Amino acid sequence: MRYLEVCFHHPATDRHPMHQFVVDHMGYELATLLYRYQYAATEQAAVFHVTGPAEPYERVLSEHETVQERELLAW
């Protein structure tokens, strides 16, 4: 069986601040963009799967100026 594994590494200056939060903090193993839709030049929806502790992530997410609405599901 053949397979291909691809990894993209973005410099910190190109990362979204929430992605950078996952990179900078211990306990986070994975952040995957599952869905993204661009409504307008300044509005978009995104669904991420993040593996790690919910409380610190939710706190920083709620303080971020570009996040208008959010829903966090933890299990």
PDB file of N, CA and C in Angstrom:
ATOM      1  N   MET A   1       0.838  -1.166   0.000  1.00  0.00           N
ATOM      2  CA  MET A   1       0.000   0.000   0.000  1.00  0.00           C
ATOM      3  C   MET A   1       0.890   1.238   0.000  1.00  0.00           C
ATOM      4  N   ARG A   2       0.524   2.198  -0.796  1.00  0.00           N
ATOM      5  CA  ARG A   2       1.270   3.452  -0.859  1.00  0.00           C
ATOM      6  C   ARG A   2       0.481   4.539  -0.152  1.00  0.00           C
ATOM      7  N   TYR A   3       1.202   5.429   0.461  1.00  0.00           N
ATOM      8  CA  TYR A   3       0.552   6.554   1.114  1.00  0.00           C
ATOM      9  C   TYR A   3       1.501   7.745   1.091  1.00  0.00           C
ATOM     10  N   LEU A   4       0.929   8.889   1.372  1.00  0.00           N
ATOM     11  CA  LEU A   4       1.686  10.127   1.379  1.00  0.00           C
ATOM     12  C   LEU A   4       1.317  10.904   2.630  1.00  0.00           C
ATOM     13  N   GLU A   5       2.295  11.349   3.344  1.00  0.00           N
ATOM     14  CA  GLU A   5       2.071  12.188   4.508  1.00  0.00           C
ATOM     15  C   GLU A   5       2.638  13.562   4.198  1.00  0.00           C
ATOM     16  N   VAL A   6       1.829  14.593   4.408  1.00  0.00           N
ATOM     17  CA  VAL A   6       2.235  15.957   4.094  1.00  0.00           C
ATOM     18  C   VAL A   6       2.133  16.791   5.367  1.00  0.00           C
ATOM     19  N   CYS A   7       3.149  17.543   5.658  1.00  0.00           N
ATOM     20  CA  CYS A   7       3.155  18.450   6.807  1.00  0.00           C
ATOM     21  C   CYS A   7       3.467  19.856   6.296  1.00  0.00           C
ATOM     22  N   PHE A   8       2.680  20.813   6.756  1.00  0.00           N
ATOM     23  CA  PHE A   8       2.911  22.210   6.417  1.00  0.00           C
ATOM     24  C   PHE A   8       3.349  22.934   7.679  1.00  0.00           C
ATOM     25  N   HIS A   9       4.394  23.704   7.578  1.00  0.00           N
ATOM     26  CA  HIS A   9       4.883  24.487   8.702  1.00  0.00           C
ATOM     27  C   HIS A   9       4.812  25.952   8.307  1.00  0.00           C
ATOM     28  N   HIS A  10       3.986  26.693   9.037  1.00  0.00           N
ATOM     29  CA  HIS A  10       3.826  28.116   8.774  1.00  0.00           C
ATOM     30  C   HIS A  10       4.648  28.900   9.798  1.00  0.00           C
ATOM     31  N   PRO A  11       5.294  29.957   9.366  1.00  0.00           N
ATOM     32  CA  PRO A  11       5.982  30.790  10.346  1.00  0.00           C
ATOM     33  C   PRO A  11       4.969  31.427  11.294  1.00  0.00           C
ATOM     34  N   ALA A  12       5.394  31.729  12.502  1.00  0.00           N
ATOM     35  CA  ALA A  12       4.496  32.283  13.516  1.00  0.00           C
ATOM     36  C   ALA A  12       3.777  33.535  13.035  1.00  0.00           C
ATOM     37  N   THR A  13       4.407  34.312  12.196  1.00  0.00           N
ATOM     38  CA  THR A  13       3.782  35.547  11.700  1.00  0.00           C
ATOM     39  C   THR A  13       2.597  35.273  10.786  1.00  0.00           C
ATOM     40  N   ASP A  14       2.509  34.065  10.206  1.00  0.00           N
ATOM     41  CA  ASP A  14       1.412  33.711   9.307  1.00  0.00           C
ATOM     42  C   ASP A  14       0.300  32.933  10.002  1.00  0.00           C
ATOM     43  N   ARG A  15       0.496  32.571  11.262  1.00  0.00           N
ATOM     44  CA  ARG A  15      -0.480  31.753  11.977  1.00  0.00           C
ATOM     45  C   ARG A  15      -1.560  32.623  12.625  1.00  0.00           C
ATOM     46  N   HIS A  16      -2.756  32.061  12.702  1.00  0.00           N
ATOM     47  CA  HIS A  16      -3.822  32.698  13.477  1.00  0.00           C
ATOM     48  C   HIS A  16      -3.404  32.663  14.949  1.00  0.00           C
ATOM     49  N   PRO A  17      -3.755  33.673  15.728  1.00  0.00           N
ATOM     50  CA  PRO A  17      -3.356  33.688  17.136  1.00  0.00           C
ATOM     51  C   PRO A  17      -3.803  32.452  17.928  1.00  0.00           C
ATOM     52  N   MET A  18      -4.945  31.856  17.597  1.00  0.00           N
ATOM     53  CA  MET A  18      -5.383  30.656  18.313  1.00  0.00           C
ATOM     54  C   MET A  18      -4.533  29.448  17.929  1.00  0.00           C
ATOM     55  N   HIS A  19      -4.086  29.408  16.690  1.00  0.00           N
ATOM     56  CA  HIS A  19      -3.161  28.348  16.295  1.00  0.00           C
ATOM     57  C   HIS A  19      -1.842  28.526  17.036  1.00  0.00           C
ATOM     58  N   GLN A  20      -1.384  29.746  17.137  1.00  0.00           N
ATOM     59  CA  GLN A  20      -0.140  30.016  17.848  1.00  0.00           C
ATOM     60  C   GLN A  20      -0.281  29.656  19.326  1.00  0.00           C
ATOM     61  N   PHE A  21      -1.458  29.879  19.909  1.00  0.00           N
ATOM     62  CA  PHE A  21      -1.701  29.487  21.300  1.00  0.00           C
ATOM     63  C   PHE A  21      -1.477  27.992  21.483  1.00  0.00           C
ATOM     64  N   VAL A  22      -1.990  27.177  20.571  1.00  0.00           N
ATOM     65  CA  VAL A  22      -1.820  25.720  20.644  1.00  0.00           C
ATOM     66  C   VAL A  22      -0.341  25.354  20.518  1.00  0.00           C
ATOM     67  N   VAL A  23       0.369  26.026  19.630  1.00  0.00           N
ATOM     68  CA  VAL A  23       1.794  25.752  19.435  1.00  0.00           C
ATOM     69  C   VAL A  23       2.594  26.111  20.695  1.00  0.00           C
ATOM     70  N   ASP A  24       2.240  27.209  21.342  1.00  0.00           N
ATOM     71  CA  ASP A  24       3.023  27.732  22.462  1.00  0.00           C
ATOM     72  C   ASP A  24       2.735  27.077  23.809  1.00  0.00           C
ATOM     73  N   HIS A  25       1.622  26.377  23.961  1.00  0.00           N
ATOM     74  CA  HIS A  25       1.237  25.878  25.276  1.00  0.00           C
ATOM     75  C   HIS A  25       1.291  24.353  25.366  1.00  0.00           C
ATOM     76  N   MET A  26       1.843  23.891  26.467  1.00  0.00           N
ATOM     77  CA  MET A  26       1.944  22.457  26.724  1.00  0.00           C
ATOM     78  C   MET A  26       0.542  21.849  26.869  1.00  0.00           C
ATOM     79  N   GLY A  27       0.413  20.591  26.498  1.00  0.00           N
ATOM     80  CA  GLY A  27      -0.848  19.878  26.677  1.00  0.00           C
ATOM     81  C   GLY A  27      -1.720  19.856  25.438  1.00  0.00           C
ATOM     82  N   TYR A  28      -1.354  20.607  24.417  1.00  0.00           N
ATOM     83  CA  TYR A  28      -2.119  20.603  23.167  1.00  0.00           C
ATOM     84  C   TYR A  28      -1.345  19.798  22.134  1.00  0.00           C
ATOM     85  N   GLU A  29      -2.006  18.795  21.587  1.00  0.00           N
ATOM     86  CA  GLU A  29      -1.346  17.892  20.659  1.00  0.00           C
ATOM     87  C   GLU A  29      -1.735  18.123  19.208  1.00  0.00           C
ATOM     88  N   LEU A  30      -2.949  18.631  18.989  1.00  0.00           N
ATOM     89  CA  LEU A  30      -3.461  18.674  17.633  1.00  0.00           C
ATOM     90  C   LEU A  30      -4.423  19.826  17.463  1.00  0.00           C
ATOM     91  N   ALA A  31      -4.358  20.503  16.340  1.00  0.00           N
ATOM     92  CA  ALA A  31      -5.346  21.506  15.948  1.00  0.00           C
ATOM     93  C   ALA A  31      -5.604  21.286  14.461  1.00  0.00           C
ATOM     94  N   THR A  32      -6.816  20.889  14.129  1.00  0.00           N
ATOM     95  CA  THR A  32      -7.149  20.563  12.751  1.00  0.00           C
ATOM     96  C   THR A  32      -8.317  21.421  12.283  1.00  0.00           C
ATOM     97  N   LEU A  33      -8.160  22.091  11.163  1.00  0.00           N
ATOM     98  CA  LEU A  33      -9.250  22.842  10.560  1.00  0.00           C
ATOM     99  C   LEU A  33     -10.141  21.848   9.827  1.00  0.00           C
ATOM    100  N   LEU A  34     -11.393  21.710  10.283  1.00  0.00           N
ATOM    101  CA  LEU A  34     -12.333  20.764   9.674  1.00  0.00           C
ATOM    102  C   LEU A  34     -13.213  21.420   8.621  1.00  0.00           C
ATOM    103  N   TYR A  35     -13.508  22.704   8.813  1.00  0.00           N
ATOM    104  CA  TYR A  35     -14.424  23.399   7.900  1.00  0.00           C
ATOM    105  C   TYR A  35     -14.124  24.889   7.954  1.00  0.00           C
ATOM    106  N   ARG A  36     -14.187  25.538   6.802  1.00  0.00           N
ATOM    107  CA  ARG A  36     -14.014  26.992   6.739  1.00  0.00           C
ATOM    108  C   ARG A  36     -14.853  27.528   5.600  1.00  0.00           C
ATOM    109  N   TYR A  37     -15.599  28.595   5.867  1.00  0.00           N
ATOM    110  CA  TYR A  37     -16.396  29.239   4.829  1.00  0.00           C
ATOM    111  C   TYR A  37     -16.221  30.747   4.949  1.00  0.00           C
ATOM    112  N   GLN A  38     -15.922  31.402   3.830  1.00  0.00           N
ATOM    113  CA  GLN A  38     -15.733  32.849   3.783  1.00  0.00           C
ATOM    114  C   GLN A  38     -17.044  33.496   3.356  1.00  0.00           C
ATOM    115  N   TYR A  39     -17.709  34.212   4.277  1.00  0.00           N
ATOM    116  CA  TYR A  39     -18.975  34.878   3.971  1.00  0.00           C
ATOM    117  C   TYR A  39     -18.757  36.200   3.262  1.00  0.00           C
ATOM    118  N   ALA A  40     -17.804  36.954   3.735  1.00  0.00           N
ATOM    119  CA  ALA A  40     -17.482  38.264   3.177  1.00  0.00           C
ATOM    120  C   ALA A  40     -15.998  38.500   3.428  1.00  0.00           C
ATOM    121  N   ALA A  41     -15.515  39.644   3.013  1.00  0.00           N
ATOM    122  CA  ALA A  41     -14.085  39.919   3.162  1.00  0.00           C
ATOM    123  C   ALA A  41     -13.636  39.867   4.621  1.00  0.00           C
ATOM    124  N   THR A  42     -14.535  40.203   5.534  1.00  0.00           N
ATOM    125  CA  THR A  42     -14.154  40.246   6.950  1.00  0.00           C
ATOM    126  C   THR A  42     -14.897  39.235   7.814  1.00  0.00           C
ATOM    127  N   GLU A  43     -15.686  38.351   7.210  1.00  0.00           N
ATOM    128  CA  GLU A  43     -16.447  37.382   7.991  1.00  0.00           C
ATOM    129  C   GLU A  43     -16.240  35.974   7.465  1.00  0.00           C
ATOM    130  N   GLN A  44     -15.997  35.056   8.391  1.00  0.00           N
ATOM    131  CA  GLN A  44     -15.848  33.665   8.015  1.00  0.00           C
ATOM    132  C   GLN A  44     -16.278  32.772   9.176  1.00  0.00           C
ATOM    133  N   ALA A  45     -16.594  31.553   8.853  1.00  0.00           N
ATOM    134  CA  ALA A  45     -16.915  30.542   9.864  1.00  0.00           C
ATOM    135  C   ALA A  45     -15.860  29.458   9.767  1.00  0.00           C
ATOM    136  N   ALA A  46     -15.480  28.919  10.916  1.00  0.00           N
ATOM    137  CA  ALA A  46     -14.474  27.861  10.928  1.00  0.00           C
ATOM    138  C   ALA A  46     -14.822  26.869  12.032  1.00  0.00           C
ATOM    139  N   VAL A  47     -14.538  25.605  11.755  1.00  0.00           N
ATOM    140  CA  VAL A  47     -14.713  24.542  12.743  1.00  0.00           C
ATOM    141  C   VAL A  47     -13.354  23.868  12.910  1.00  0.00           C
ATOM    142  N   PHE A  48     -12.875  23.863  14.146  1.00  0.00           N
ATOM    143  CA  PHE A  48     -11.583  23.264  14.458  1.00  0.00           C
ATOM    144  C   PHE A  48     -11.759  22.108  15.432  1.00  0.00           C
ATOM    145  N   HIS A  49     -10.892  21.137  15.320  1.00  0.00           N
ATOM    146  CA  HIS A  49     -10.765  20.088  16.326  1.00  0.00           C
ATOM    147  C   HIS A  49      -9.434  20.334  17.026  1.00  0.00           C
ATOM    148  N   VAL A  50      -9.492  20.580  18.320  1.00  0.00           N
ATOM    149  CA  VAL A  50      -8.290  20.859  19.097  1.00  0.00           C
ATOM    150  C   VAL A  50      -8.201  19.823  20.207  1.00  0.00           C
ATOM    151  N   THR A  51      -7.073  19.159  20.326  1.00  0.00           N
ATOM    152  CA  THR A  51      -6.845  18.177  21.377  1.00  0.00           C
ATOM    153  C   THR A  51      -6.022  18.815  22.485  1.00  0.00           C
ATOM    154  N   GLY A  52      -6.647  18.980  23.652  1.00  0.00           N
ATOM    155  CA  GLY A  52      -5.967  19.574  24.789  1.00  0.00           C
ATOM    156  C   GLY A  52      -6.979  20.091  25.789  1.00  0.00           C
ATOM    157  N   PRO A  53      -6.523  20.747  26.850  1.00  0.00           N
ATOM    158  CA  PRO A  53      -7.432  21.241  27.888  1.00  0.00           C
ATOM    159  C   PRO A  53      -8.351  22.351  27.362  1.00  0.00           C
ATOM    160  N   ALA A  54      -9.637  22.253  27.710  1.00  0.00           N
ATOM    161  CA  ALA A  54     -10.641  23.172  27.171  1.00  0.00           C
ATOM    162  C   ALA A  54     -10.594  24.560  27.819  1.00  0.00           C
ATOM    163  N   GLU A  55     -10.436  24.634  29.140  1.00  0.00           N
ATOM    164  CA  GLU A  55     -10.572  25.904  29.849  1.00  0.00           C
ATOM    165  C   GLU A  55      -9.592  26.982  29.391  1.00  0.00           C
ATOM    166  N   PRO A  56      -8.296  26.718  29.299  1.00  0.00           N
ATOM    167  CA  PRO A  56      -7.396  27.793  28.844  1.00  0.00           C
ATOM    168  C   PRO A  56      -7.690  28.230  27.406  1.00  0.00           C
ATOM    169  N   TYR A  57      -8.020  27.273  26.559  1.00  0.00           N
ATOM    170  CA  TYR A  57      -8.315  27.587  25.156  1.00  0.00           C
ATOM    171  C   TYR A  57      -9.566  28.462  25.064  1.00  0.00           C
ATOM    172  N   GLU A  58     -10.608  28.087  25.803  1.00  0.00           N
ATOM    173  CA  GLU A  58     -11.856  28.856  25.769  1.00  0.00           C
ATOM    174  C   GLU A  58     -11.655  30.269  26.306  1.00  0.00           C
ATOM    175  N   ARG A  59     -10.869  30.406  27.365  1.00  0.00           N
ATOM    176  CA  ARG A  59     -10.607  31.732  27.942  1.00  0.00           C
ATOM    177  C   ARG A  59      -9.929  32.645  26.926  1.00  0.00           C
ATOM    178  N   VAL A  60      -8.890  32.158  26.273  1.00  0.00           N
ATOM    179  CA  VAL A  60      -8.158  32.962  25.283  1.00  0.00           C
ATOM    180  C   VAL A  60      -9.039  33.240  24.070  1.00  0.00           C
ATOM    181  N   LEU A  61      -9.823  32.251  23.656  1.00  0.00           N
ATOM    182  CA  LEU A  61     -10.725  32.424  22.519  1.00  0.00           C
ATOM    183  C   LEU A  61     -11.758  33.513  22.803  1.00  0.00           C
ATOM    184  N   SER A  62     -12.296  33.540  24.014  1.00  0.00           N
ATOM    185  CA  SER A  62     -13.309  34.548  24.366  1.00  0.00           C
ATOM    186  C   SER A  62     -12.717  35.952  24.442  1.00  0.00           C
ATOM    187  N   GLU A  63     -11.413  36.060  24.670  1.00  0.00           N
ATOM    188  CA  GLU A  63     -10.758  37.363  24.758  1.00  0.00           C
ATOM    189  C   GLU A  63     -10.258  37.883  23.415  1.00  0.00           C
ATOM    190  N   HIS A  64     -10.284  37.032  22.393  1.00  0.00           N
ATOM    191  CA  HIS A  64      -9.726  37.429  21.093  1.00  0.00           C
ATOM    192  C   HIS A  64     -10.671  38.379  20.369  1.00  0.00           C
ATOM    193  N   GLU A  65     -10.154  39.500  19.895  1.00  0.00           N
ATOM    194  CA  GLU A  65     -10.987  40.557  19.308  1.00  0.00           C
ATOM    195  C   GLU A  65     -11.648  40.182  17.983  1.00  0.00           C
ATOM    196  N   THR A  66     -11.117  39.226  17.248  1.00  0.00           N
ATOM    197  CA  THR A  66     -11.716  38.873  15.955  1.00  0.00           C
ATOM    198  C   THR A  66     -12.796  37.796  16.066  1.00  0.00           C
ATOM    199  N   VAL A  67     -12.952  37.197  17.233  1.00  0.00           N
ATOM    200  CA  VAL A  67     -13.960  36.147  17.412  1.00  0.00           C
ATOM    201  C   VAL A  67     -15.258  36.800  17.865  1.00  0.00           C
ATOM    202  N   GLN A  68     -16.285  36.734  17.010  1.00  0.00           N
ATOM    203  CA  GLN A  68     -17.569  37.345  17.335  1.00  0.00           C
ATOM    204  C   GLN A  68     -18.489  36.375  18.069  1.00  0.00           C
ATOM    205  N   GLU A  69     -18.494  35.129  17.645  1.00  0.00           N
ATOM    206  CA  GLU A  69     -19.306  34.096  18.277  1.00  0.00           C
ATOM    207  C   GLU A  69     -18.490  32.825  18.355  1.00  0.00           C
ATOM    208  N   ARG A  70     -18.781  32.016  19.361  1.00  0.00           N
ATOM    209  CA  ARG A  70     -18.066  30.755  19.481  1.00  0.00           C
ATOM    210  C   ARG A  70     -18.936  29.749  20.213  1.00  0.00           C
ATOM    211  N   GLU A  71     -18.675  28.512  19.958  1.00  0.00           N
ATOM    212  CA  GLU A  71     -19.291  27.412  20.691  1.00  0.00           C
ATOM    213  C   GLU A  71     -18.214  26.366  20.885  1.00  0.00           C
ATOM    214  N   LEU A  72     -17.994  25.994  22.113  1.00  0.00           N
ATOM    215  CA  LEU A  72     -16.957  25.021  22.434  1.00  0.00           C
ATOM    216  C   LEU A  72     -17.616  23.756  22.955  1.00  0.00           C
ATOM    217  N   LEU A  73     -17.290  22.653  22.325  1.00  0.00           N
ATOM    218  CA  LEU A  73     -17.785  21.347  22.757  1.00  0.00           C
ATOM    219  C   LEU A  73     -16.614  20.569  23.280  1.00  0.00           C
ATOM    220  N   ALA A  74     -16.712  20.080  24.490  1.00  0.00           N
ATOM    221  CA  ALA A  74     -15.617  19.310  25.077  1.00  0.00           C
ATOM    222  C   ALA A  74     -16.126  17.922  25.458  1.00  0.00           C
ATOM    223  N   TRP A  75     -15.341  16.928  25.122  1.00  0.00           N
ATOM    224  CA  TRP A  75     -15.661  15.560  25.550  1.00  0.00           C
ATOM    225  C   TRP A  75     -14.414  14.801  25.780  1.00  0.00           C
TER     226      TRP A  75
END
